[in-house]
Amino acid sequence: MGKITKQQYEFALKRVEELLPLVDETMSKNDPKVVELSMMSDIVIDYEKEHFPIEKPTVAELINCGLQETGITQKQLASELGVSPSRVSDFATGRAEPSLRVAGKICARLHISPSAMLML
């Protein structure tokens, strides 16, 4: 597909909103409404990926989110990892990144997907 214009995007977005209430999972994949909804959705997705990219979270953001969700303090995490609290603070502020070994332990303890941390 070529470059999608803003007008094409806005048209596709409007059609998606119109088609969504008319389509359900019992309909055939070949139903014209299902086909059009799929095509219009692809246009919207492609345009938004190009014009509204979502930034990947940093290691520091992942760690802070994990701490908040688990209710663990930086000091508790440091003790469990066998590193100093100032080292965990460095990770949580982005001043330093953990080694692979420590990152693996952080992922396990804070329930962070290792792939999320490795994709950074």
PDB file of N, CA and C in Angstrom:
ATOM      1  N   MET A   1       0.849  -1.176   0.000  1.00  0.00           N
ATOM      2  CA  MET A   1       0.000   0.000   0.000  1.00  0.00           C
ATOM      3  C   MET A   1       0.892   1.235   0.000  1.00  0.00           C
ATOM      4  N   GLY A   2       0.506   2.243  -0.771  1.00  0.00           N
ATOM      5  CA  GLY A   2       1.277   3.481  -0.835  1.00  0.00           C
ATOM      6  C   GLY A   2       1.087   4.303   0.423  1.00  0.00           C
ATOM      7  N   LYS A   3       1.603   5.504   0.389  1.00  0.00           N
ATOM      8  CA  LYS A   3       1.483   6.421   1.515  1.00  0.00           C
ATOM      9  C   LYS A   3       0.019   6.779   1.734  1.00  0.00           C
ATOM     10  N   ILE A   4      -0.437   6.658   2.962  1.00  0.00           N
ATOM     11  CA  ILE A   4      -1.832   6.941   3.306  1.00  0.00           C
ATOM     12  C   ILE A   4      -1.943   8.412   3.686  1.00  0.00           C
ATOM     13  N   THR A   5      -2.876   9.104   3.056  1.00  0.00           N
ATOM     14  CA  THR A   5      -3.068  10.522   3.361  1.00  0.00           C
ATOM     15  C   THR A   5      -3.936  10.674   4.606  1.00  0.00           C
ATOM     16  N   LYS A   6      -3.916  11.877   5.155  1.00  0.00           N
ATOM     17  CA  LYS A   6      -4.745  12.160   6.325  1.00  0.00           C
ATOM     18  C   LYS A   6      -6.224  11.991   5.983  1.00  0.00           C
ATOM     19  N   GLN A   7      -6.605  12.400   4.776  1.00  0.00           N
ATOM     20  CA  GLN A   7      -8.002  12.273   4.364  1.00  0.00           C
ATOM     21  C   GLN A   7      -8.415  10.804   4.260  1.00  0.00           C
ATOM     22  N   GLN A   8      -7.530   9.968   3.717  1.00  0.00           N
ATOM     23  CA  GLN A   8      -7.829   8.531   3.623  1.00  0.00           C
ATOM     24  C   GLN A   8      -7.942   7.924   5.022  1.00  0.00           C
ATOM     25  N   TYR A   9      -7.057   8.345   5.897  1.00  0.00           N
ATOM     26  CA  TYR A   9      -7.089   7.860   7.275  1.00  0.00           C
ATOM     27  C   TYR A   9      -8.407   8.245   7.937  1.00  0.00           C
ATOM     28  N   GLU A  10      -8.790   9.501   7.809  1.00  0.00           N
ATOM     29  CA  GLU A  10     -10.029   9.966   8.446  1.00  0.00           C
ATOM     30  C   GLU A  10     -11.245   9.243   7.880  1.00  0.00           C
ATOM     31  N   PHE A  11     -11.254   8.997   6.572  1.00  0.00           N
ATOM     32  CA  PHE A  11     -12.344   8.249   5.948  1.00  0.00           C
ATOM     33  C   PHE A  11     -12.389   6.826   6.506  1.00  0.00           C
ATOM     34  N   ALA A  12     -11.224   6.172   6.561  1.00  0.00           N
ATOM     35  CA  ALA A  12     -11.152   4.793   7.042  1.00  0.00           C
ATOM     36  C   ALA A  12     -11.583   4.711   8.508  1.00  0.00           C
ATOM     37  N   LEU A  13     -11.161   5.673   9.307  1.00  0.00           N
ATOM     38  CA  LEU A  13     -11.535   5.697  10.720  1.00  0.00           C
ATOM     39  C   LEU A  13     -13.054   5.823  10.871  1.00  0.00           C
ATOM     40  N   LYS A  14     -13.640   6.693  10.065  1.00  0.00           N
ATOM     41  CA  LYS A  14     -15.103   6.873  10.105  1.00  0.00           C
ATOM     42  C   LYS A  14     -15.807   5.578   9.696  1.00  0.00           C
ATOM     43  N   ARG A  15     -15.311   4.913   8.649  1.00  0.00           N
ATOM     44  CA  ARG A  15     -15.924   3.660   8.187  1.00  0.00           C
ATOM     45  C   ARG A  15     -15.794   2.555   9.244  1.00  0.00           C
ATOM     46  N   VAL A  16     -14.649   2.489   9.917  1.00  0.00           N
ATOM     47  CA  VAL A  16     -14.473   1.491  10.977  1.00  0.00           C
ATOM     48  C   VAL A  16     -15.540   1.712  12.053  1.00  0.00           C
ATOM     49  N   GLU A  17     -15.729   2.968  12.454  1.00  0.00           N
ATOM     50  CA  GLU A  17     -16.733   3.284  13.480  1.00  0.00           C
ATOM     51  C   GLU A  17     -18.140   2.918  13.012  1.00  0.00           C
ATOM     52  N   GLU A  18     -18.426   3.101  11.724  1.00  0.00           N
ATOM     53  CA  GLU A  18     -19.742   2.760  11.183  1.00  0.00           C
ATOM     54  C   GLU A  18     -19.942   1.249  11.060  1.00  0.00           C
ATOM     55  N   LEU A  19     -18.874   0.534  10.684  1.00  0.00           N
ATOM     56  CA  LEU A  19     -18.978  -0.905  10.437  1.00  0.00           C
ATOM     57  C   LEU A  19     -18.943  -1.762  11.704  1.00  0.00           C
ATOM     58  N   LEU A  20     -18.240  -1.304  12.726  1.00  0.00           N
ATOM     59  CA  LEU A  20     -18.089  -2.114  13.932  1.00  0.00           C
ATOM     60  C   LEU A  20     -19.417  -2.628  14.493  1.00  0.00           C
ATOM     61  N   PRO A  21     -20.446  -1.776  14.627  1.00  0.00           N
ATOM     62  CA  PRO A  21     -21.703  -2.285  15.188  1.00  0.00           C
ATOM     63  C   PRO A  21     -22.428  -3.267  14.246  1.00  0.00           C
ATOM     64  N   LEU A  22     -22.052  -3.282  12.964  1.00  0.00           N
ATOM     65  CA  LEU A  22     -22.742  -4.112  11.976  1.00  0.00           C
ATOM     66  C   LEU A  22     -22.091  -5.481  11.769  1.00  0.00           C
ATOM     67  N   VAL A  23     -20.921  -5.674  12.350  1.00  0.00           N
ATOM     68  CA  VAL A  23     -20.162  -6.905  12.126  1.00  0.00           C
ATOM     69  C   VAL A  23     -20.044  -7.671  13.443  1.00  0.00           C
ATOM     70  N   ASP A  24     -20.239  -8.994  13.364  1.00  0.00           N
ATOM     71  CA  ASP A  24     -19.994  -9.831  14.541  1.00  0.00           C
ATOM     72  C   ASP A  24     -19.309 -11.122  14.114  1.00  0.00           C
ATOM     73  N   GLU A  25     -18.865 -11.904  15.098  1.00  0.00           N
ATOM     74  CA  GLU A  25     -18.047 -13.082  14.821  1.00  0.00           C
ATOM     75  C   GLU A  25     -18.795 -14.206  14.107  1.00  0.00           C
ATOM     76  N   THR A  26     -20.142 -14.125  14.023  1.00  0.00           N
ATOM     77  CA  THR A  26     -20.894 -15.174  13.329  1.00  0.00           C
ATOM     78  C   THR A  26     -20.907 -14.970  11.820  1.00  0.00           C
ATOM     79  N   MET A  27     -20.474 -13.807  11.364  1.00  0.00           N
ATOM     80  CA  MET A  27     -20.513 -13.494   9.931  1.00  0.00           C
ATOM     81  C   MET A  27     -19.363 -14.174   9.194  1.00  0.00           C
ATOM     82  N   SER A  28     -19.597 -14.493   7.941  1.00  0.00           N
ATOM     83  CA  SER A  28     -18.569 -15.096   7.090  1.00  0.00           C
ATOM     84  C   SER A  28     -17.427 -14.107   6.861  1.00  0.00           C
ATOM     85  N   LYS A  29     -16.200 -14.638   6.742  1.00  0.00           N
ATOM     86  CA  LYS A  29     -15.046 -13.786   6.451  1.00  0.00           C
ATOM     87  C   LYS A  29     -15.178 -13.128   5.084  1.00  0.00           C
ATOM     88  N   ASN A  30     -16.032 -13.691   4.223  1.00  0.00           N
ATOM     89  CA  ASN A  30     -16.231 -13.151   2.877  1.00  0.00           C
ATOM     90  C   ASN A  30     -17.368 -12.152   2.801  1.00  0.00           C
ATOM     91  N   ASP A  31     -18.061 -11.926   3.902  1.00  0.00           N
ATOM     92  CA  ASP A  31     -19.145 -10.933   3.918  1.00  0.00           C
ATOM     93  C   ASP A  31     -18.536  -9.576   3.570  1.00  0.00           C
ATOM     94  N   PRO A  32     -19.159  -8.827   2.666  1.00  0.00           N
ATOM     95  CA  PRO A  32     -18.596  -7.523   2.259  1.00  0.00           C
ATOM     96  C   PRO A  32     -18.316  -6.580   3.427  1.00  0.00           C
ATOM     97  N   LYS A  33     -19.151  -6.601   4.448  1.00  0.00           N
ATOM     98  CA  LYS A  33     -18.920  -5.713   5.605  1.00  0.00           C
ATOM     99  C   LYS A  33     -17.671  -6.151   6.371  1.00  0.00           C
ATOM    100  N   VAL A  34     -17.477  -7.463   6.499  1.00  0.00           N
ATOM    101  CA  VAL A  34     -16.302  -7.986   7.201  1.00  0.00           C
ATOM    102  C   VAL A  34     -15.032  -7.640   6.416  1.00  0.00           C
ATOM    103  N   VAL A  35     -15.090  -7.823   5.101  1.00  0.00           N
ATOM    104  CA  VAL A  35     -13.941  -7.518   4.241  1.00  0.00           C
ATOM    105  C   VAL A  35     -13.605  -6.029   4.318  1.00  0.00           C
ATOM    106  N   GLU A  36     -14.630  -5.189   4.225  1.00  0.00           N
ATOM    107  CA  GLU A  36     -14.385  -3.746   4.266  1.00  0.00           C
ATOM    108  C   GLU A  36     -13.846  -3.324   5.634  1.00  0.00           C
ATOM    109  N   LEU A  37     -14.393  -3.885   6.706  1.00  0.00           N
ATOM    110  CA  LEU A  37     -13.909  -3.546   8.045  1.00  0.00           C
ATOM    111  C   LEU A  37     -12.433  -3.910   8.176  1.00  0.00           C
ATOM    112  N   SER A  38     -12.051  -5.066   7.671  1.00  0.00           N
ATOM    113  CA  SER A  38     -10.654  -5.494   7.723  1.00  0.00           C
ATOM    114  C   SER A  38      -9.757  -4.532   6.946  1.00  0.00           C
ATOM    115  N   MET A  39     -10.183  -4.158   5.753  1.00  0.00           N
ATOM    116  CA  MET A  39      -9.377  -3.247   4.923  1.00  0.00           C
ATOM    117  C   MET A  39      -9.257  -1.869   5.568  1.00  0.00           C
ATOM    118  N   MET A  40     -10.364  -1.346   6.060  1.00  0.00           N
ATOM    119  CA  MET A  40     -10.347  -0.019   6.684  1.00  0.00           C
ATOM    120  C   MET A  40      -9.498  -0.043   7.965  1.00  0.00           C
ATOM    121  N   SER A  41      -9.581  -1.143   8.723  1.00  0.00           N
ATOM    122  CA  SER A  41      -8.779  -1.274   9.945  1.00  0.00           C
ATOM    123  C   SER A  41      -7.292  -1.271   9.615  1.00  0.00           C
ATOM    124  N   ASP A  42      -6.925  -1.973   8.533  1.00  0.00           N
ATOM    125  CA  ASP A  42      -5.513  -2.004   8.121  1.00  0.00           C
ATOM    126  C   ASP A  42      -5.012  -0.606   7.775  1.00  0.00           C
ATOM    127  N   ILE A  43      -5.835   0.179   7.108  1.00  0.00           N
ATOM    128  CA  ILE A  43      -5.455   1.554   6.746  1.00  0.00           C
ATOM    129  C   ILE A  43      -5.235   2.383   8.010  1.00  0.00           C
ATOM    130  N   VAL A  44      -6.165   2.272   8.956  1.00  0.00           N
ATOM    131  CA  VAL A  44      -6.058   3.024  10.212  1.00  0.00           C
ATOM    132  C   VAL A  44      -4.788   2.616  10.963  1.00  0.00           C
ATOM    133  N   ILE A  45      -4.545   1.316  11.074  1.00  0.00           N
ATOM    134  CA  ILE A  45      -3.370   0.809  11.796  1.00  0.00           C
ATOM    135  C   ILE A  45      -2.083   1.291  11.145  1.00  0.00           C
ATOM    136  N   ASP A  46      -1.993   1.178   9.815  1.00  0.00           N
ATOM    137  CA  ASP A  46      -0.774   1.598   9.112  1.00  0.00           C
ATOM    138  C   ASP A  46      -0.513   3.091   9.301  1.00  0.00           C
ATOM    139  N   TYR A  47      -1.549   3.906   9.193  1.00  0.00           N
ATOM    140  CA  TYR A  47      -1.400   5.355   9.352  1.00  0.00           C
ATOM    141  C   TYR A  47      -0.954   5.690  10.774  1.00  0.00           C
ATOM    142  N   GLU A  48      -1.594   5.052  11.759  1.00  0.00           N
ATOM    143  CA  GLU A  48      -1.270   5.358  13.154  1.00  0.00           C
ATOM    144  C   GLU A  48       0.131   4.891  13.526  1.00  0.00           C
ATOM    145  N   LYS A  49       0.589   3.772  12.974  1.00  0.00           N
ATOM    146  CA  LYS A  49       1.954   3.316  13.245  1.00  0.00           C
ATOM    147  C   LYS A  49       2.968   4.344  12.758  1.00  0.00           C
ATOM    148  N   GLU A  50       2.672   4.938  11.604  1.00  0.00           N
ATOM    149  CA  GLU A  50       3.601   5.916  11.030  1.00  0.00           C
ATOM    150  C   GLU A  50       3.526   7.267  11.737  1.00  0.00           C
ATOM    151  N   HIS A  51       2.311   7.722  12.050  1.00  0.00           N
ATOM    152  CA  HIS A  51       2.132   9.080  12.559  1.00  0.00           C
ATOM    153  C   HIS A  51       2.013   9.186  14.078  1.00  0.00           C
ATOM    154  N   PHE A  52       1.671   8.109  14.743  1.00  0.00           N
ATOM    155  CA  PHE A  52       1.514   8.124  16.198  1.00  0.00           C
ATOM    156  C   PHE A  52       2.238   6.933  16.822  1.00  0.00           C
ATOM    157  N   PRO A  53       3.553   6.807  16.589  1.00  0.00           N
ATOM    158  CA  PRO A  53       4.267   5.639  17.128  1.00  0.00           C
ATOM    159  C   PRO A  53       4.251   5.645  18.657  1.00  0.00           C
ATOM    160  N   ILE A  54       4.183   4.454  19.220  1.00  0.00           N
ATOM    161  CA  ILE A  54       4.200   4.306  20.669  1.00  0.00           C
ATOM    162  C   ILE A  54       5.638   3.992  21.078  1.00  0.00           C
ATOM    163  N   GLU A  55       6.146   4.808  21.969  1.00  0.00           N
ATOM    164  CA  GLU A  55       7.518   4.616  22.445  1.00  0.00           C
ATOM    165  C   GLU A  55       7.578   3.392  23.356  1.00  0.00           C
ATOM    166  N   LYS A  56       8.643   2.638  23.235  1.00  0.00           N
ATOM    167  CA  LYS A  56       8.842   1.497  24.129  1.00  0.00           C
ATOM    168  C   LYS A  56       9.292   2.034  25.483  1.00  0.00           C
ATOM    169  N   PRO A  57       8.846   1.391  26.568  1.00  0.00           N
ATOM    170  CA  PRO A  57       9.270   1.868  27.889  1.00  0.00           C
ATOM    171  C   PRO A  57      10.761   1.616  28.102  1.00  0.00           C
ATOM    172  N   THR A  58      11.370   2.464  28.905  1.00  0.00           N
ATOM    173  CA  THR A  58      12.786   2.285  29.237  1.00  0.00           C
ATOM    174  C   THR A  58      12.913   1.227  30.333  1.00  0.00           C
ATOM    175  N   VAL A  59      14.126   0.762  30.566  1.00  0.00           N
ATOM    176  CA  VAL A  59      14.377  -0.187  31.654  1.00  0.00           C
ATOM    177  C   VAL A  59      13.931   0.440  32.978  1.00  0.00           C
ATOM    178  N   ALA A  60      14.258   1.719  33.165  1.00  0.00           N
ATOM    179  CA  ALA A  60      13.872   2.416  34.403  1.00  0.00           C
ATOM    180  C   ALA A  60      12.348   2.430  34.560  1.00  0.00           C
ATOM    181  N   GLU A  61      11.629   2.714  33.482  1.00  0.00           N
ATOM    182  CA  GLU A  61      10.157   2.735  33.557  1.00  0.00           C
ATOM    183  C   GLU A  61       9.605   1.350  33.881  1.00  0.00           C
ATOM    184  N   LEU A  62      10.184   0.316  33.277  1.00  0.00           N
ATOM    185  CA  LEU A  62       9.738  -1.048  33.566  1.00  0.00           C
ATOM    186  C   LEU A  62       9.958  -1.390  35.041  1.00  0.00           C
ATOM    187  N   ILE A  63      11.125  -1.022  35.560  1.00  0.00           N
ATOM    188  CA  ILE A  63      11.446  -1.317  36.961  1.00  0.00           C
ATOM    189  C   ILE A  63      10.501  -0.556  37.884  1.00  0.00           C
ATOM    190  N   ASN A  64      10.302   0.722  37.624  1.00  0.00           N
ATOM    191  CA  ASN A  64       9.416   1.517  38.482  1.00  0.00           C
ATOM    192  C   ASN A  64       7.978   1.006  38.451  1.00  0.00           C
ATOM    193  N   CYS A  65       7.525   0.625  37.286  1.00  0.00           N
ATOM    194  CA  CYS A  65       6.175   0.069  37.162  1.00  0.00           C
ATOM    195  C   CYS A  65       6.089  -1.246  37.930  1.00  0.00           C
ATOM    196  N   GLY A  66       7.100  -2.093  37.782  1.00  0.00           N
ATOM    197  CA  GLY A  66       7.125  -3.363  38.503  1.00  0.00           C
ATOM    198  C   GLY A  66       7.146  -3.174  40.011  1.00  0.00           C
ATOM    199  N   LEU A  67       7.917  -2.209  40.486  1.00  0.00           N
ATOM    200  CA  LEU A  67       7.959  -1.916  41.921  1.00  0.00           C
ATOM    201  C   LEU A  67       6.584  -1.479  42.412  1.00  0.00           C
ATOM    202  N   GLN A  68       5.963  -0.600  41.659  1.00  0.00           N
ATOM    203  CA  GLN A  68       4.645  -0.085  42.047  1.00  0.00           C
ATOM    204  C   GLN A  68       3.598  -1.207  42.058  1.00  0.00           C
ATOM    205  N   GLU A  69       3.611  -2.047  41.021  1.00  0.00           N
ATOM    206  CA  GLU A  69       2.606  -3.099  40.918  1.00  0.00           C
ATOM    207  C   GLU A  69       2.779  -4.181  41.978  1.00  0.00           C
ATOM    208  N   THR A  70       4.008  -4.460  42.370  1.00  0.00           N
ATOM    209  CA  THR A  70       4.247  -5.506  43.371  1.00  0.00           C
ATOM    210  C   THR A  70       4.273  -4.958  44.792  1.00  0.00           C
ATOM    211  N   GLY A  71       4.371  -3.642  44.941  1.00  0.00           N
ATOM    212  CA  GLY A  71       4.419  -3.046  46.272  1.00  0.00           C
ATOM    213  C   GLY A  71       5.755  -3.236  46.975  1.00  0.00           C
ATOM    214  N   ILE A  72       6.783  -3.533  46.202  1.00  0.00           N
ATOM    215  CA  ILE A  72       8.126  -3.739  46.753  1.00  0.00           C
ATOM    216  C   ILE A  72       8.878  -2.411  46.716  1.00  0.00           C
ATOM    217  N   THR A  73       9.654  -2.146  47.749  1.00  0.00           N
ATOM    218  CA  THR A  73      10.464  -0.926  47.761  1.00  0.00           C
ATOM    219  C   THR A  73      11.792  -1.193  47.058  1.00  0.00           C
ATOM    220  N   GLN A  74      12.463  -0.115  46.683  1.00  0.00           N
ATOM    221  CA  GLN A  74      13.790  -0.255  46.082  1.00  0.00           C
ATOM    222  C   GLN A  74      14.735  -0.961  47.051  1.00  0.00           C
ATOM    223  N   LYS A  75      14.611  -0.645  48.337  1.00  0.00           N
ATOM    224  CA  LYS A  75      15.476  -1.250  49.351  1.00  0.00           C
ATOM    225  C   LYS A  75      15.232  -2.763  49.442  1.00  0.00           C
ATOM    226  N   GLN A  76      13.947  -3.171  49.415  1.00  0.00           N
ATOM    227  CA  GLN A  76      13.631  -4.603  49.458  1.00  0.00           C
ATOM    228  C   GLN A  76      14.180  -5.314  48.217  1.00  0.00           C
ATOM    229  N   LEU A  77      14.007  -4.682  47.057  1.00  0.00           N
ATOM    230  CA  LEU A  77      14.499  -5.284  45.821  1.00  0.00           C
ATOM    231  C   LEU A  77      16.013  -5.423  45.867  1.00  0.00           C
ATOM    232  N   ALA A  78      16.690  -4.396  46.352  1.00  0.00           N
ATOM    233  CA  ALA A  78      18.153  -4.434  46.451  1.00  0.00           C
ATOM    234  C   ALA A  78      18.592  -5.610  47.310  1.00  0.00           C
ATOM    235  N   SER A  79      17.923  -5.796  48.446  1.00  0.00           N
ATOM    236  CA  SER A  79      18.260  -6.897  49.349  1.00  0.00           C
ATOM    237  C   SER A  79      18.073  -8.246  48.652  1.00  0.00           C
ATOM    238  N   GLU A  80      16.967  -8.397  47.928  1.00  0.00           N
ATOM    239  CA  GLU A  80      16.685  -9.657  47.243  1.00  0.00           C
ATOM    240  C   GLU A  80      17.648  -9.913  46.084  1.00  0.00           C
ATOM    241  N   LEU A  81      18.119  -8.845  45.456  1.00  0.00           N
ATOM    242  CA  LEU A  81      19.054  -8.989  44.326  1.00  0.00           C
ATOM    243  C   LEU A  81      20.497  -9.142  44.780  1.00  0.00           C
ATOM    244  N   GLY A  82      20.756  -8.766  46.027  1.00  0.00           N
ATOM    245  CA  GLY A  82      22.125  -8.807  46.517  1.00  0.00           C
ATOM    246  C   GLY A  82      22.958  -7.646  46.003  1.00  0.00           C
ATOM    247  N   VAL A  83      22.295  -6.495  45.778  1.00  0.00           N
ATOM    248  CA  VAL A  83      23.007  -5.281  45.354  1.00  0.00           C
ATOM    249  C   VAL A  83      22.651  -4.165  46.325  1.00  0.00           C
ATOM    250  N   SER A  84      23.380  -3.063  46.237  1.00  0.00           N
ATOM    251  CA  SER A  84      23.113  -1.951  47.147  1.00  0.00           C
ATOM    252  C   SER A  84      21.838  -1.207  46.734  1.00  0.00           C
ATOM    253  N   PRO A  85      21.156  -0.582  47.716  1.00  0.00           N
ATOM    254  CA  PRO A  85      19.982   0.222  47.381  1.00  0.00           C
ATOM    255  C   PRO A  85      20.308   1.343  46.391  1.00  0.00           C
ATOM    256  N   SER A  86      21.525   1.895  46.479  1.00  0.00           N
ATOM    257  CA  SER A  86      21.880   2.965  45.539  1.00  0.00           C
ATOM    258  C   SER A  86      21.985   2.415  44.113  1.00  0.00           C
ATOM    259  N   ARG A  87      22.362   1.143  43.993  1.00  0.00           N
ATOM    260  CA  ARG A  87      22.448   0.527  42.654  1.00  0.00           C
ATOM    261  C   ARG A  87      21.048   0.386  42.056  1.00  0.00           C
ATOM    262  N   VAL A  88      20.077  -0.058  42.867  1.00  0.00           N
ATOM    263  CA  VAL A  88      18.693  -0.170  42.397  1.00  0.00           C
ATOM    264  C   VAL A  88      18.168   1.226  42.043  1.00  0.00           C
ATOM    265  N   SER A  89      18.535   2.219  42.843  1.00  0.00           N
ATOM    266  CA  SER A  89      18.132   3.600  42.540  1.00  0.00           C
ATOM    267  C   SER A  89      18.683   4.028  41.182  1.00  0.00           C
ATOM    268  N   ASP A  90      19.935   3.639  40.908  1.00  0.00           N
ATOM    269  CA  ASP A  90      20.533   3.955  39.602  1.00  0.00           C
ATOM    270  C   ASP A  90      19.724   3.307  38.465  1.00  0.00           C
ATOM    271  N   PHE A  91      19.292   2.053  38.669  1.00  0.00           N
ATOM    272  CA  PHE A  91      18.482   1.369  37.653  1.00  0.00           C
ATOM    273  C   PHE A  91      17.139   2.073  37.485  1.00  0.00           C
ATOM    274  N   ALA A  92      16.511   2.462  38.597  1.00  0.00           N
ATOM    275  CA  ALA A  92      15.169   3.044  38.585  1.00  0.00           C
ATOM    276  C   ALA A  92      15.142   4.472  38.029  1.00  0.00           C
ATOM    277  N   THR A  93      16.300   5.130  38.043  1.00  0.00           N
ATOM    278  CA  THR A  93      16.358   6.493  37.499  1.00  0.00           C
ATOM    279  C   THR A  93      16.958   6.541  36.098  1.00  0.00           C
ATOM    280  N   GLY A  94      17.454   5.397  35.641  1.00  0.00           N
ATOM    281  CA  GLY A  94      18.043   5.349  34.308  1.00  0.00           C
ATOM    282  C   GLY A  94      19.506   5.746  34.264  1.00  0.00           C
ATOM    283  N   ARG A  95      20.131   5.958  35.429  1.00  0.00           N
ATOM    284  CA  ARG A  95      21.558   6.313  35.453  1.00  0.00           C
ATOM    285  C   ARG A  95      22.432   5.121  35.086  1.00  0.00           C
ATOM    286  N   ALA A  96      21.902   3.907  35.306  1.00  0.00           N
ATOM    287  CA  ALA A  96      22.654   2.689  34.981  1.00  0.00           C
ATOM    288  C   ALA A  96      21.660   1.608  34.571  1.00  0.00           C
ATOM    289  N   GLU A  97      22.152   0.630  33.820  1.00  0.00           N
ATOM    290  CA  GLU A  97      21.320  -0.498  33.441  1.00  0.00           C
ATOM    291  C   GLU A  97      21.886  -1.750  34.085  1.00  0.00           C
ATOM    292  N   PRO A  98      21.001  -2.648  34.510  1.00  0.00           N
ATOM    293  CA  PRO A  98      21.475  -3.870  35.168  1.00  0.00           C
ATOM    294  C   PRO A  98      22.166  -4.809  34.184  1.00  0.00           C
ATOM    295  N   SER A  99      23.048  -5.647  34.730  1.00  0.00           N
ATOM    296  CA  SER A  99      23.667  -6.697  33.919  1.00  0.00           C
ATOM    297  C   SER A  99      22.564  -7.680  33.516  1.00  0.00           C
ATOM    298  N   LEU A 100      22.849  -8.541  32.554  1.00  0.00           N
ATOM    299  CA  LEU A 100      21.849  -9.527  32.135  1.00  0.00           C
ATOM    300  C   LEU A 100      21.412 -10.408  33.301  1.00  0.00           C
ATOM    301  N   ARG A 101      22.359 -10.814  34.130  1.00  0.00           N
ATOM    302  CA  ARG A 101      22.037 -11.666  35.275  1.00  0.00           C
ATOM    303  C   ARG A 101      21.091 -10.949  36.232  1.00  0.00           C
ATOM    304  N   VAL A 102      21.417  -9.706  36.569  1.00  0.00           N
ATOM    305  CA  VAL A 102      20.582  -8.929  37.483  1.00  0.00           C
ATOM    306  C   VAL A 102      19.238  -8.602  36.816  1.00  0.00           C
ATOM    307  N   ALA A 103      19.272  -8.286  35.535  1.00  0.00           N
ATOM    308  CA  ALA A 103      18.023  -7.991  34.823  1.00  0.00           C
ATOM    309  C   ALA A 103      17.083  -9.192  34.871  1.00  0.00           C
ATOM    310  N   GLY A 104      17.632 -10.384  34.724  1.00  0.00           N
ATOM    311  CA  GLY A 104      16.824 -11.597  34.810  1.00  0.00           C
ATOM    312  C   GLY A 104      16.169 -11.741  36.176  1.00  0.00           C
ATOM    313  N   LYS A 105      16.925 -11.440  37.222  1.00  0.00           N
ATOM    314  CA  LYS A 105      16.378 -11.508  38.580  1.00  0.00           C
ATOM    315  C   LYS A 105      15.290 -10.447  38.787  1.00  0.00           C
ATOM    316  N   ILE A 106      15.527  -9.256  38.250  1.00  0.00           N
ATOM    317  CA  ILE A 106      14.534  -8.177  38.361  1.00  0.00           C
ATOM    318  C   ILE A 106      13.241  -8.602  37.668  1.00  0.00           C
ATOM    319  N   CYS A 107      13.368  -9.144  36.475  1.00  0.00           N
ATOM    320  CA  CYS A 107      12.186  -9.587  35.724  1.00  0.00           C
ATOM    321  C   CYS A 107      11.393 -10.623  36.517  1.00  0.00           C
ATOM    322  N   ALA A 108      12.094 -11.591  37.079  1.00  0.00           N
ATOM    323  CA  ALA A 108      11.425 -12.656  37.838  1.00  0.00           C
ATOM    324  C   ALA A 108      10.720 -12.080  39.068  1.00  0.00           C
ATOM    325  N   ARG A 109      11.396 -11.207  39.802  1.00  0.00           N
ATOM    326  CA  ARG A 109      10.843 -10.684  41.058  1.00  0.00           C
ATOM    327  C   ARG A 109       9.712  -9.692  40.833  1.00  0.00           C
ATOM    328  N   LEU A 110       9.819  -8.877  39.767  1.00  0.00           N
ATOM    329  CA  LEU A 110       8.816  -7.834  39.527  1.00  0.00           C
ATOM    330  C   LEU A 110       7.786  -8.246  38.473  1.00  0.00           C
ATOM    331  N   HIS A 111       7.859  -9.495  38.049  1.00  0.00           N
ATOM    332  CA  HIS A 111       6.905 -10.031  37.060  1.00  0.00           C
ATOM    333  C   HIS A 111       6.929  -9.218  35.752  1.00  0.00           C
ATOM    334  N   ILE A 112       8.127  -8.930  35.293  1.00  0.00           N
ATOM    335  CA  ILE A 112       8.327  -8.217  34.019  1.00  0.00           C
ATOM    336  C   ILE A 112       8.717  -9.261  32.991  1.00  0.00           C
ATOM    337  N   SER A 113       8.116  -9.197  31.820  1.00  0.00           N
ATOM    338  CA  SER A 113       8.475 -10.118  30.750  1.00  0.00           C
ATOM    339  C   SER A 113       9.923  -9.845  30.339  1.00  0.00           C
ATOM    340  N   PRO A 114      10.769 -10.877  30.340  1.00  0.00           N
ATOM    341  CA  PRO A 114      12.156 -10.668  29.911  1.00  0.00           C
ATOM    342  C   PRO A 114      12.232 -10.078  28.501  1.00  0.00           C
ATOM    343  N   SER A 115      11.308 -10.470  27.627  1.00  0.00           N
ATOM    344  CA  SER A 115      11.348  -9.939  26.265  1.00  0.00           C
ATOM    345  C   SER A 115      11.092  -8.436  26.266  1.00  0.00           C
ATOM    346  N   ALA A 116      10.279  -7.942  27.180  1.00  0.00           N
ATOM    347  CA  ALA A 116      10.023  -6.502  27.249  1.00  0.00           C
ATOM    348  C   ALA A 116      11.298  -5.755  27.598  1.00  0.00           C
ATOM    349  N   MET A 117      12.085  -6.318  28.506  1.00  0.00           N
ATOM    350  CA  MET A 117      13.324  -5.652  28.912  1.00  0.00           C
ATOM    351  C   MET A 117      14.403  -5.813  27.850  1.00  0.00           C
ATOM    352  N   LEU A 118      14.430  -6.952  27.182  1.00  0.00           N
ATOM    353  CA  LEU A 118      15.467  -7.196  26.170  1.00  0.00           C
ATOM    354  C   LEU A 118      15.213  -6.422  24.882  1.00  0.00           C
ATOM    355  N   MET A 119      13.968  -6.063  24.605  1.00  0.00           N
ATOM    356  CA  MET A 119      13.643  -5.384  23.340  1.00  0.00           C
ATOM    357  C   MET A 119      14.017  -3.920  23.364  1.00  0.00           C
ATOM    358  N   LEU A 120      14.582  -3.459  24.458  1.00  0.00           N
ATOM    359  CA  LEU A 120      14.890  -2.030  24.566  1.00  0.00           C
ATOM    360  C   LEU A 120      16.162  -1.689  23.841  1.00  0.00           C
TER     361      LEU A 120
END
